[in-house]
Amino acid sequence: MNKQQHLYSNLWKMYIPDILDMVEVFPSNLGIELSKNEFNAVGNREDYCFRLELKNGKIANNIQGSAVARDLAELLLADSRAKRLFAGKTVIIRLLSNYQLVAEVNAL
């Protein structure tokens, strides 16, 4: 396995419950404040921003250029709670430049 593969998985595992809570209580103005230092300790990127769109529990946009988004998507798609929460919905998860993670949820 390529050592670069799944670089961010352990980091995301800590945040999955919070992300799913955020999706479950949408709409809310709450985001999750992530740590720039945690990302920099794992990766060597200038920008970690991404937009991940899931429709009915499937990836709906191209995230191939973002290992950060790919690792998060893989964990979410394997999570039974996420599968239940994402069914019948469009969920957009974005990591902003200030390291705030936000979600938007809409019914299909």
Protein backbone atom coordinates (compact mmCIF):
# COMPACT_ATOMS: atom_id res chain seq x y z
CA MET A 1 0.00 0.00 0.00
CA ASN A 2 1.22 3.46 -0.86
CA LYS A 3 2.19 5.23 2.35
CA GLN A 4 0.47 8.38 1.07
CA GLN A 5 -2.80 6.51 0.78
CA HIS A 6 -5.15 7.08 3.72
CA LEU A 7 -2.84 9.70 5.18
CA TYR A 8 -5.73 11.58 6.80
CA SER A 9 -7.88 8.61 7.89
CA ASN A 10 -6.76 8.55 11.51
CA LEU A 11 -7.36 12.27 11.79
CA TRP A 12 -10.86 11.98 10.32
CA LYS A 13 -11.76 9.03 12.57
CA MET A 14 -11.66 11.40 15.54
CA TYR A 15 -14.15 13.75 13.87
CA ILE A 16 -16.64 11.29 12.30
CA PRO A 17 -19.05 11.31 15.30
CA ASP A 18 -19.06 15.12 15.34
CA ILE A 19 -19.59 15.30 11.58
CA LEU A 20 -22.52 12.91 11.79
CA ASP A 21 -24.00 14.85 14.71
CA MET A 22 -23.73 18.01 12.61
CA VAL A 23 -25.53 16.33 9.69
CA GLU A 24 -28.22 14.89 11.97
CA VAL A 25 -29.13 18.24 13.57
CA PHE A 26 -29.03 20.25 10.33
CA PRO A 27 -29.99 23.01 9.90
CA SER A 28 -27.66 24.53 12.38
CA ASN A 29 -25.14 27.29 12.16
CA LEU A 30 -22.60 25.12 13.84
CA GLY A 31 -19.43 24.08 12.18
CA ILE A 32 -16.61 22.04 13.55
CA GLU A 33 -13.39 23.88 14.27
CA LEU A 34 -10.51 21.70 13.13
CA SER A 35 -6.88 22.16 14.02
CA LYS A 36 -4.49 23.45 11.37
CA ASN A 37 -1.66 21.88 13.37
CA GLU A 38 -3.26 18.43 13.20
CA PHE A 39 -3.45 18.62 9.42
CA ASN A 40 0.07 19.99 9.07
CA ALA A 41 1.40 17.20 11.31
CA VAL A 42 -0.02 14.63 8.90
CA GLY A 43 0.34 16.26 5.50
CA ASN A 44 2.42 18.82 3.72
CA ARG A 45 -0.08 20.97 1.87
CA GLU A 46 -0.61 24.67 1.67
CA ASP A 47 -4.38 24.30 1.39
CA TYR A 48 -6.65 21.56 2.73
CA CYS A 49 -9.95 23.04 1.53
CA PHE A 50 -12.42 20.74 -0.20
CA ARG A 51 -16.06 20.24 -1.10
CA LEU A 52 -17.48 16.73 -0.77
CA GLU A 53 -20.96 16.12 -2.15
CA LEU A 54 -22.83 12.94 -1.33
CA LYS A 55 -26.19 12.11 -2.91
CA ASN A 56 -28.13 9.28 -1.33
CA GLY A 57 -24.92 8.04 0.29
CA LYS A 58 -22.79 8.10 -2.88
CA ILE A 59 -20.05 10.52 -3.91
CA ALA A 60 -21.52 12.96 -6.42
CA ASN A 61 -18.54 15.20 -7.24
CA ASN A 62 -14.94 14.71 -8.30
CA ILE A 63 -12.67 14.56 -5.23
CA GLN A 64 -9.79 12.71 -6.87
CA GLY A 65 -7.52 15.72 -6.45
CA SER A 66 -8.03 15.86 -2.68
CA ALA A 67 -6.63 13.10 -0.48
CA VAL A 68 -8.19 14.89 2.50
CA ALA A 69 -11.69 14.59 0.99
CA ARG A 70 -11.12 11.05 -0.32
CA ASP A 71 -10.11 9.76 3.10
CA LEU A 72 -13.12 11.38 4.74
CA ALA A 73 -15.48 10.05 2.07
CA GLU A 74 -14.15 6.51 2.42
CA LEU A 75 -14.75 6.55 6.18
CA LEU A 76 -18.22 8.06 5.84
CA LEU A 77 -19.30 5.57 3.18
CA ALA A 78 -18.25 2.67 5.43
CA ASP A 79 -20.07 4.00 8.51
CA SER A 80 -23.50 2.48 9.23
CA ARG A 81 -24.82 5.62 10.95
CA ALA A 82 -23.70 7.75 7.99
CA LYS A 83 -25.45 5.40 5.56
CA ARG A 84 -28.69 5.85 7.50
CA LEU A 85 -28.31 9.64 7.79
CA PHE A 86 -27.37 10.16 4.13
CA ALA A 87 -30.17 8.02 2.65
CA GLY A 88 -32.53 10.16 0.58
CA LYS A 89 -30.45 13.30 1.06
CA THR A 90 -27.80 15.41 -0.55
CA VAL A 91 -25.07 16.19 1.96
CA ILE A 92 -22.36 18.71 1.15
CA ILE A 93 -19.39 18.82 3.50
CA ARG A 94 -16.85 21.59 3.06
CA LEU A 95 -13.56 22.32 4.76
CA LEU A 96 -13.01 26.08 4.63
CA SER A 97 -9.67 27.89 4.61
CA ASN A 98 -10.06 28.75 8.31
CA TYR A 99 -10.23 25.00 9.12
CA GLN A 100 -13.93 25.09 9.85
CA LEU A 101 -15.87 22.08 8.61
CA VAL A 102 -19.45 22.84 7.63
CA ALA A 103 -22.29 20.72 6.27
CA GLU A 104 -25.39 21.40 4.22
CA VAL A 105 -28.19 18.84 4.04
CA ASN A 106 -31.08 18.76 1.56
CA ALA A 107 -33.73 16.16 0.82
CA LEU A 108 -33.51 14.60 -2.64
